[in-house]
Structure formats: C-alpha cells, structure tokens
Amino acid sequence: MIHSYEINGLPIRTGDIVCTMNGKPDILPGEFWRLVGRLVPGDVDHVAIYLGPQGRFIEAGALGVAVFEMHTGEWNTEHAMPERGMLLDTFYGVAYPLAGIGLTSGEEDEIRAGVAAYCLSHKGKPYNLNFFDPEREDAFYCSQLAYKAYQPWHINLNTGLFMEQLPGTNQIIYPQEIWNGCAHRRSPQSEESASILLHQTVG
C-alpha cells in the first residue's frame, strides 16, 4: 500500500527520501554527530526512506537497517533516539526520486511499493562500513540502501560525486548526491536549522 504523510510541512509518499544533516543545534550529544557529518561531502549527511503509514521510516544506521517512527509530523530526532542507535540529526528536506521522470501514476505506485518492500526485506542487516562497495546486499549504509532499493527500477541514484583527493570515491553513494540528483524541497524551518548548523561548523 502507498501511504502519504507530511513531515516538517512537506508532502511525502512511500519511497520518498528524507535528507538530514548530522547534529542538532543546542544539544550537547548532537555535537558528536555534527563532527561525524563533516567527513561527508556536502550539507546532507544522512537519508531515510519513508514507508508509512503515518510517520514510519526505515534507514541504515548504527543499528543496521531499522524501522523507526516520527510522530506528529515533525522530525523529532530526540524522541526517536533509542530506535535509531542514538543518532541525532536535523531535518534538511525531502528528495523525490520519481518526480518529473514521466511515469504514469500506476508505474509510480508500483515502484514505490517495490522500494518499500526491498528495504523491509533487508531489515536487520548490519551497517556497511565499506563505503566503496555499495553493490553488496548483506550490509548497508544509509544512501546505499536507497540506491539499491531504486536500482531494480533502472533509477540510478549514483551521480558520480567524488572527493578529488581520494581516487575511487565516485563509487561511494553519498547522501548529498541523492539530494542533488533528485527533485527536492526544503521547508523554512529546515533552512533555519541548517543555517545554524552550518554556522557552527564554519565557526
């Protein structure tokens, strides 16, 4: 079944991807996650796939591939910390991989259902620390899970983003390239929070 929801004022449907920045303004443990996020190119550090119903998401994080809930239509990262291995992140926006690519509503719903089914079929798999191997299916990192879920539908979320000082990094699926490569939207609240985090990083 395809579900619709609203998160931080933005519409979202099954298979759409929430993008976040590591860290949380004014929360001390969030400083650790903010520093981790600085290792990843771009502003977007993490992604989670919307499943539904209501605020049900799936991600590949510290606990491996896990399902968690965001209640009341807000990205309340503190509330979901136990389900997410103590991850603290700040909502950045929503990426829409299926927007503007000429699909019929039936085709779109089929892909959405397939993406959700793929992610759930790998629930419980461990975290993939080998970022250079996104094709494996026995372990996943966050953006790899989204990449592999869309791959059977001939939608490639690897845009070839790389770090100039490190050869071979174009094999890595970065959260930022999912944001850059898809239609996306941000909410005013997320822009304000991101501005605070970016200021803290630069400062």
C-alpha atoms as a PDB file:
ATOM      1  CA  MET A   1       0.000   0.000   0.000  1.00  0.00           C
ATOM      2  CA  ILE A   2       1.181   3.530  -0.797  1.00  0.00           C
ATOM      3  CA  HIS A   3       0.977   5.984   2.077  1.00  0.00           C
ATOM      4  CA  SER A   4       1.038   9.774   2.182  1.00  0.00           C
ATOM      5  CA  TYR A   5       2.223  11.916   5.074  1.00  0.00           C
ATOM      6  CA  GLU A   6       3.581  15.341   5.863  1.00  0.00           C
ATOM      7  CA  ILE A   7       6.919  15.851   7.596  1.00  0.00           C
ATOM      8  CA  ASN A   8       8.030  19.309   8.706  1.00  0.00           C
ATOM      9  CA  GLY A   9       5.393  20.797   6.430  1.00  0.00           C
ATOM     10  CA  LEU A  10       6.479  18.879   3.309  1.00  0.00           C
ATOM     11  CA  PRO A  11       4.425  16.210   1.498  1.00  0.00           C
ATOM     12  CA  ILE A  12       5.923  12.745   1.371  1.00  0.00           C
ATOM     13  CA  ARG A  13       4.841   9.395  -0.058  1.00  0.00           C
ATOM     14  CA  THR A  14       6.096   5.848   0.309  1.00  0.00           C
ATOM     15  CA  GLY A  15       9.577   5.620  -1.227  1.00  0.00           C
ATOM     16  CA  ASP A  16      10.444   9.306  -0.945  1.00  0.00           C
ATOM     17  CA  ILE A  17      13.668  10.125   0.869  1.00  0.00           C
ATOM     18  CA  VAL A  18      14.171  12.398   3.860  1.00  0.00           C
ATOM     19  CA  CYS A  19      17.599  14.065   3.873  1.00  0.00           C
ATOM     20  CA  THR A  20      19.170  15.267   7.098  1.00  0.00           C
ATOM     21  CA  MET A  21      22.272  16.928   8.499  1.00  0.00           C
ATOM     22  CA  ASN A  22      24.118  15.231  11.336  1.00  0.00           C
ATOM     23  CA  GLY A  23      23.849  17.092  14.628  1.00  0.00           C
ATOM     24  CA  LYS A  24      21.200  19.058  16.424  1.00  0.00           C
ATOM     25  CA  PRO A  25      21.537  22.715  17.466  1.00  0.00           C
ATOM     26  CA  ASP A  26      21.760  23.372  21.211  1.00  0.00           C
ATOM     27  CA  ILE A  27      22.014  19.688  22.190  1.00  0.00           C
ATOM     28  CA  LEU A  28      25.402  18.566  23.517  1.00  0.00           C
ATOM     29  CA  PRO A  29      25.340  14.959  22.133  1.00  0.00           C
ATOM     30  CA  GLY A  30      24.467  16.471  18.774  1.00  0.00           C
ATOM     31  CA  GLU A  31      27.972  17.929  18.607  1.00  0.00           C
ATOM     32  CA  PHE A  32      29.398  14.433  18.121  1.00  0.00           C
ATOM     33  CA  TRP A  33      27.100  13.749  15.180  1.00  0.00           C
ATOM     34  CA  ARG A  34      27.836  17.184  13.712  1.00  0.00           C
ATOM     35  CA  LEU A  35      31.557  16.341  13.679  1.00  0.00           C
ATOM     36  CA  VAL A  36      30.839  12.972  12.027  1.00  0.00           C
ATOM     37  CA  GLY A  37      28.857  14.815   9.364  1.00  0.00           C
ATOM     38  CA  ARG A  38      31.856  16.948   8.464  1.00  0.00           C
ATOM     39  CA  LEU A  39      33.508  13.840   6.994  1.00  0.00           C
ATOM     40  CA  VAL A  40      30.811  13.596   4.305  1.00  0.00           C
ATOM     41  CA  PRO A  41      30.839  15.915   1.243  1.00  0.00           C
ATOM     42  CA  GLY A  42      28.043  18.484   1.096  1.00  0.00           C
ATOM     43  CA  ASP A  43      25.408  19.605   3.565  1.00  0.00           C
ATOM     44  CA  VAL A  44      23.366  16.382   3.546  1.00  0.00           C
ATOM     45  CA  ASP A  45      24.858  13.686   5.799  1.00  0.00           C
ATOM     46  CA  HIS A  46      22.132  11.063   6.119  1.00  0.00           C
ATOM     47  CA  VAL A  47      18.985   9.748   4.427  1.00  0.00           C
ATOM     48  CA  ALA A  48      15.959   7.718   5.486  1.00  0.00           C
ATOM     49  CA  ILE A  49      13.220   6.243   3.288  1.00  0.00           C
ATOM     50  CA  TYR A  50       9.577   6.873   4.059  1.00  0.00           C
ATOM     51  CA  LEU A  51       7.443   3.739   4.368  1.00  0.00           C
ATOM     52  CA  GLY A  52       4.217   4.732   6.073  1.00  0.00           C
ATOM     53  CA  PRO A  53       1.673   4.511   7.460  1.00  0.00           C
ATOM     54  CA  GLN A  54       1.902   7.737   9.451  1.00  0.00           C
ATOM     55  CA  GLY A  55       5.476   8.594  10.472  1.00  0.00           C
ATOM     56  CA  ARG A  56       7.128   5.242   9.762  1.00  0.00           C
ATOM     57  CA  PHE A  57      10.593   5.315   8.152  1.00  0.00           C
ATOM     58  CA  ILE A  58      13.455   2.920   7.505  1.00  0.00           C
ATOM     59  CA  GLU A  59      17.178   3.692   7.471  1.00  0.00           C
ATOM     60  CA  ALA A  60      20.575   2.049   7.581  1.00  0.00           C
ATOM     61  CA  GLY A  61      22.298   3.457  10.643  1.00  0.00           C
ATOM     62  CA  ALA A  62      24.230   2.455  13.721  1.00  0.00           C
ATOM     63  CA  LEU A  63      21.744  -0.343  14.440  1.00  0.00           C
ATOM     64  CA  GLY A  64      21.852  -1.597  10.870  1.00  0.00           C
ATOM     65  CA  VAL A  65      18.713  -1.484   8.740  1.00  0.00           C
ATOM     66  CA  ALA A  66      15.979  -0.457  11.164  1.00  0.00           C
ATOM     67  CA  VAL A  67      12.447   0.930  11.189  1.00  0.00           C
ATOM     68  CA  PHE A  68      11.576   3.921  13.355  1.00  0.00           C
ATOM     69  CA  GLU A  69       8.684   6.335  13.911  1.00  0.00           C
ATOM     70  CA  MET A  70       8.483  10.111  13.703  1.00  0.00           C
ATOM     71  CA  HIS A  71       5.284  11.260  15.371  1.00  0.00           C
ATOM     72  CA  THR A  72       3.128  14.383  14.965  1.00  0.00           C
ATOM     73  CA  GLY A  73       4.537  15.224  11.523  1.00  0.00           C
ATOM     74  CA  GLU A  74       7.780  16.639  12.895  1.00  0.00           C
ATOM     75  CA  TRP A  75      11.345  15.323  12.598  1.00  0.00           C
ATOM     76  CA  ASN A  76      11.744  14.890  16.367  1.00  0.00           C
ATOM     77  CA  THR A  77      15.184  13.331  16.467  1.00  0.00           C
ATOM     78  CA  GLU A  78      15.406  13.227  20.284  1.00  0.00           C
ATOM     79  CA  HIS A  79      12.190  11.203  20.548  1.00  0.00           C
ATOM     80  CA  ALA A  80      13.443   8.544  18.116  1.00  0.00           C
ATOM     81  CA  MET A  81      16.978   8.246  19.517  1.00  0.00           C
ATOM     82  CA  PRO A  82      16.511   4.793  21.128  1.00  0.00           C
ATOM     83  CA  GLU A  83      15.137   3.340  17.866  1.00  0.00           C
ATOM     84  CA  ARG A  84      17.973   4.900  15.843  1.00  0.00           C
ATOM     85  CA  GLY A  85      21.051   3.991  17.872  1.00  0.00           C
ATOM     86  CA  MET A  86      21.242   7.433  19.499  1.00  0.00           C
ATOM     87  CA  LEU A  87      21.562   9.219  16.153  1.00  0.00           C
ATOM     88  CA  LEU A  88      20.865  12.938  16.358  1.00  0.00           C
ATOM     89  CA  ASP A  89      20.188  14.750  13.106  1.00  0.00           C
ATOM     90  CA  THR A  90      18.445  17.837  11.775  1.00  0.00           C
ATOM     91  CA  PHE A  91      15.812  17.741   9.050  1.00  0.00           C
ATOM     92  CA  TYR A  92      17.108  19.178   5.765  1.00  0.00           C
ATOM     93  CA  GLY A  93      14.418  18.364   3.206  1.00  0.00           C
ATOM     94  CA  VAL A  94      12.748  15.692   1.090  1.00  0.00           C
ATOM     95  CA  ALA A  95      14.144  14.189  -2.133  1.00  0.00           C
ATOM     96  CA  TYR A  96      11.623  12.885  -4.672  1.00  0.00           C
ATOM     97  CA  PRO A  97      13.353  10.341  -6.969  1.00  0.00           C
ATOM     98  CA  LEU A  98      10.202   9.716  -9.028  1.00  0.00           C
ATOM     99  CA  ALA A  99       9.251  13.329  -9.683  1.00  0.00           C
ATOM    100  CA  GLY A 100       9.446  14.617 -13.231  1.00  0.00           C
ATOM    101  CA  ILE A 101      10.615  11.427 -14.952  1.00  0.00           C
ATOM    102  CA  GLY A 102       7.450  10.772 -16.940  1.00  0.00           C
ATOM    103  CA  LEU A 103       5.874   7.911 -15.003  1.00  0.00           C
ATOM    104  CA  THR A 104       2.177   7.108 -15.011  1.00  0.00           C
ATOM    105  CA  SER A 105       0.508   7.005 -11.600  1.00  0.00           C
ATOM    106  CA  GLY A 106       0.343   3.209 -11.859  1.00  0.00           C
ATOM    107  CA  GLU A 107       4.040   2.906 -12.668  1.00  0.00           C
ATOM    108  CA  GLU A 108       4.920   5.254  -9.845  1.00  0.00           C
ATOM    109  CA  ASP A 109       2.879   3.304  -7.310  1.00  0.00           C
ATOM    110  CA  GLU A 110       4.477   0.042  -8.437  1.00  0.00           C
ATOM    111  CA  ILE A 111       7.963   1.474  -7.884  1.00  0.00           C
ATOM    112  CA  ARG A 112       7.031   2.962  -4.519  1.00  0.00           C
ATOM    113  CA  ALA A 113       5.697  -0.384  -3.321  1.00  0.00           C
ATOM    114  CA  GLY A 114       8.798  -2.155  -4.658  1.00  0.00           C
ATOM    115  CA  VAL A 115      11.173   0.268  -2.921  1.00  0.00           C
ATOM    116  CA  ALA A 116       9.404  -0.219   0.416  1.00  0.00           C
ATOM    117  CA  ALA A 117       9.356  -3.994   0.011  1.00  0.00           C
ATOM    118  CA  TYR A 118      13.076  -4.054  -0.824  1.00  0.00           C
ATOM    119  CA  CYS A 119      14.006  -2.011   2.228  1.00  0.00           C
ATOM    120  CA  LEU A 120      11.843  -4.082   4.575  1.00  0.00           C
ATOM    121  CA  SER A 121      13.256  -7.332   3.160  1.00  0.00           C
ATOM    122  CA  HIS A 122      16.679  -6.228   4.437  1.00  0.00           C
ATOM    123  CA  LYS A 123      15.529  -5.102   7.882  1.00  0.00           C
ATOM    124  CA  GLY A 124      18.039  -6.244  10.495  1.00  0.00           C
ATOM    125  CA  LYS A 125      21.027  -6.351   8.122  1.00  0.00           C
ATOM    126  CA  PRO A 126      24.170  -4.795   9.659  1.00  0.00           C
ATOM    127  CA  TYR A 127      25.752  -1.450   8.830  1.00  0.00           C
ATOM    128  CA  ASN A 128      28.133  -1.472   5.863  1.00  0.00           C
ATOM    129  CA  LEU A 129      31.436   0.149   6.822  1.00  0.00           C
ATOM    130  CA  ASN A 130      32.911  -0.478   3.368  1.00  0.00           C
ATOM    131  CA  PHE A 131      31.529   2.596   1.603  1.00  0.00           C
ATOM    132  CA  PHE A 132      33.426   1.622  -1.574  1.00  0.00           C
ATOM    133  CA  ASP A 133      31.217  -1.461  -2.021  1.00  0.00           C
ATOM    134  CA  PRO A 134      27.634  -0.230  -2.489  1.00  0.00           C
ATOM    135  CA  GLU A 135      26.595  -3.295  -4.527  1.00  0.00           C
ATOM    136  CA  ARG A 136      26.650  -5.749  -1.627  1.00  0.00           C
ATOM    137  CA  GLU A 137      23.336  -6.722  -0.057  1.00  0.00           C
ATOM    138  CA  ASP A 138      24.468  -8.304   3.192  1.00  0.00           C
ATOM    139  CA  ALA A 139      25.109  -4.900   4.809  1.00  0.00           C
ATOM    140  CA  PHE A 140      24.047  -1.334   4.054  1.00  0.00           C
ATOM    141  CA  TYR A 141      24.901   2.284   4.778  1.00  0.00           C
ATOM    142  CA  CYS A 142      22.160   4.898   4.573  1.00  0.00           C
ATOM    143  CA  SER A 143      22.401   6.147   1.000  1.00  0.00           C
ATOM    144  CA  GLN A 144      23.379   2.688  -0.279  1.00  0.00           C
ATOM    145  CA  LEU A 145      20.023   1.345   0.943  1.00  0.00           C
ATOM    146  CA  ALA A 146      18.153   3.974  -1.074  1.00  0.00           C
ATOM    147  CA  TYR A 147      20.411   3.371  -4.094  1.00  0.00           C
ATOM    148  CA  LYS A 148      19.855  -0.396  -4.054  1.00  0.00           C
ATOM    149  CA  ALA A 149      16.103  -0.041  -3.482  1.00  0.00           C
ATOM    150  CA  TYR A 150      15.713   2.059  -6.644  1.00  0.00           C
ATOM    151  CA  GLN A 151      18.255   0.161  -8.746  1.00  0.00           C
ATOM    152  CA  PRO A 152      15.876  -2.636  -9.930  1.00  0.00           C
ATOM    153  CA  TRP A 153      13.659   0.075 -11.417  1.00  0.00           C
ATOM    154  CA  HIS A 154      16.514   1.478 -13.530  1.00  0.00           C
ATOM    155  CA  ILE A 155      16.732   4.617 -11.393  1.00  0.00           C
ATOM    156  CA  ASN A 156      20.398   5.263 -10.593  1.00  0.00           C
ATOM    157  CA  LEU A 157      20.988   7.437  -7.540  1.00  0.00           C
ATOM    158  CA  ASN A 158      24.779   7.336  -8.024  1.00  0.00           C
ATOM    159  CA  THR A 159      25.618  10.563  -9.872  1.00  0.00           C
ATOM    160  CA  GLY A 160      29.403  10.034  -9.684  1.00  0.00           C
ATOM    161  CA  LEU A 161      30.119  12.557  -6.926  1.00  0.00           C
ATOM    162  CA  PHE A 162      33.684  12.127  -5.669  1.00  0.00           C
ATOM    163  CA  MET A 163      36.323  13.624  -3.403  1.00  0.00           C
ATOM    164  CA  GLU A 164      39.219  14.926  -5.519  1.00  0.00           C
ATOM    165  CA  GLN A 165      41.890  13.992  -3.001  1.00  0.00           C
ATOM    166  CA  LEU A 166      40.738  10.352  -2.804  1.00  0.00           C
ATOM    167  CA  PRO A 167      40.668   8.235  -6.003  1.00  0.00           C
ATOM    168  CA  GLY A 168      37.800   5.790  -6.358  1.00  0.00           C
ATOM    169  CA  THR A 169      35.414   7.742  -4.171  1.00  0.00           C
ATOM    170  CA  ASN A 170      32.964   8.064  -7.064  1.00  0.00           C
ATOM    171  CA  GLN A 171      31.903   4.512  -6.160  1.00  0.00           C
ATOM    172  CA  ILE A 172      30.531   5.748  -2.861  1.00  0.00           C
ATOM    173  CA  ILE A 173      26.839   6.692  -2.803  1.00  0.00           C
ATOM    174  CA  TYR A 174      26.799   9.994  -0.921  1.00  0.00           C
ATOM    175  CA  PRO A 175      23.666  11.376   0.745  1.00  0.00           C
ATOM    176  CA  GLN A 176      24.394  14.728  -0.919  1.00  0.00           C
ATOM    177  CA  GLU A 177      24.208  13.245  -4.424  1.00  0.00           C
ATOM    178  CA  ILE A 178      20.773  11.803  -3.713  1.00  0.00           C
ATOM    179  CA  TRP A 179      19.683  15.315  -2.825  1.00  0.00           C
ATOM    180  CA  ASN A 180      21.420  16.861  -5.837  1.00  0.00           C
ATOM    181  CA  GLY A 181      20.236  14.215  -8.280  1.00  0.00           C
ATOM    182  CA  CYS A 182      16.538  14.257  -7.406  1.00  0.00           C
ATOM    183  CA  ALA A 183      13.786  16.835  -7.357  1.00  0.00           C
ATOM    184  CA  HIS A 184      13.717  18.096  -3.782  1.00  0.00           C
ATOM    185  CA  ARG A 185      12.084  20.536  -1.384  1.00  0.00           C
ATOM    186  CA  ARG A 186      13.064  22.239   1.842  1.00  0.00           C
ATOM    187  CA  SER A 187      10.866  23.805   4.477  1.00  0.00           C
ATOM    188  CA  PRO A 188      11.540  27.216   6.051  1.00  0.00           C
ATOM    189  CA  GLN A 189      12.161  25.531   9.410  1.00  0.00           C
ATOM    190  CA  SER A 190      14.777  23.199   7.919  1.00  0.00           C
ATOM    191  CA  GLU A 191      16.565  26.104   6.242  1.00  0.00           C
ATOM    192  CA  GLU A 192      16.778  27.920   9.562  1.00  0.00           C
ATOM    193  CA  SER A 193      18.092  24.842  11.432  1.00  0.00           C
ATOM    194  CA  ALA A 194      20.572  24.054   8.658  1.00  0.00           C
ATOM    195  CA  SER A 195      21.789  27.648   8.746  1.00  0.00           C
ATOM    196  CA  ILE A 196      22.515  27.322  12.469  1.00  0.00           C
ATOM    197  CA  LEU A 197      24.416  24.044  11.983  1.00  0.00           C
ATOM    198  CA  LEU A 198      26.423  25.386   9.049  1.00  0.00           C
ATOM    199  CA  HIS A 199      27.341  28.494  11.045  1.00  0.00           C
ATOM    200  CA  GLN A 200      28.517  26.271  13.916  1.00  0.00           C
ATOM    201  CA  THR A 201      30.578  24.165  11.501  1.00  0.00           C
ATOM    202  CA  VAL A 202      32.254  27.145   9.860  1.00  0.00           C
ATOM    203  CA  GLY A 203      32.768  28.917  13.152  1.00  0.00           C
END
